[in-house]
């Protein structure tokens, strides 16, 4: 069953750190079956607090999503994202 890693940025507090993250995150997908479906594109808030940015990444299953997220390469890149601003991150099973 497919699974999705969903990143919801509340606000960008350090653009320089986000730029560093943007420059290295692509390399973290090597060897992982991931497909980026949305990344900081135009959005329309329908309910709740409007996020500053959203990323949705498809994986074949939740185990693959978690393996990528917990990989040393992604964790090293994520250190920049953590400094760039607050995020909510979830892995959700698809249908």
Foldseek 3Di string as FASTA:
>chain_A
DKKKKKKFFADFDDVVLVVQLVVQVVVLCVPAPKDKPDWFDDDDDDDDRDTNIMTIMMHRFPVSVVCSCPPPSNVVSCVSVVVGGDMDIDMGDDD
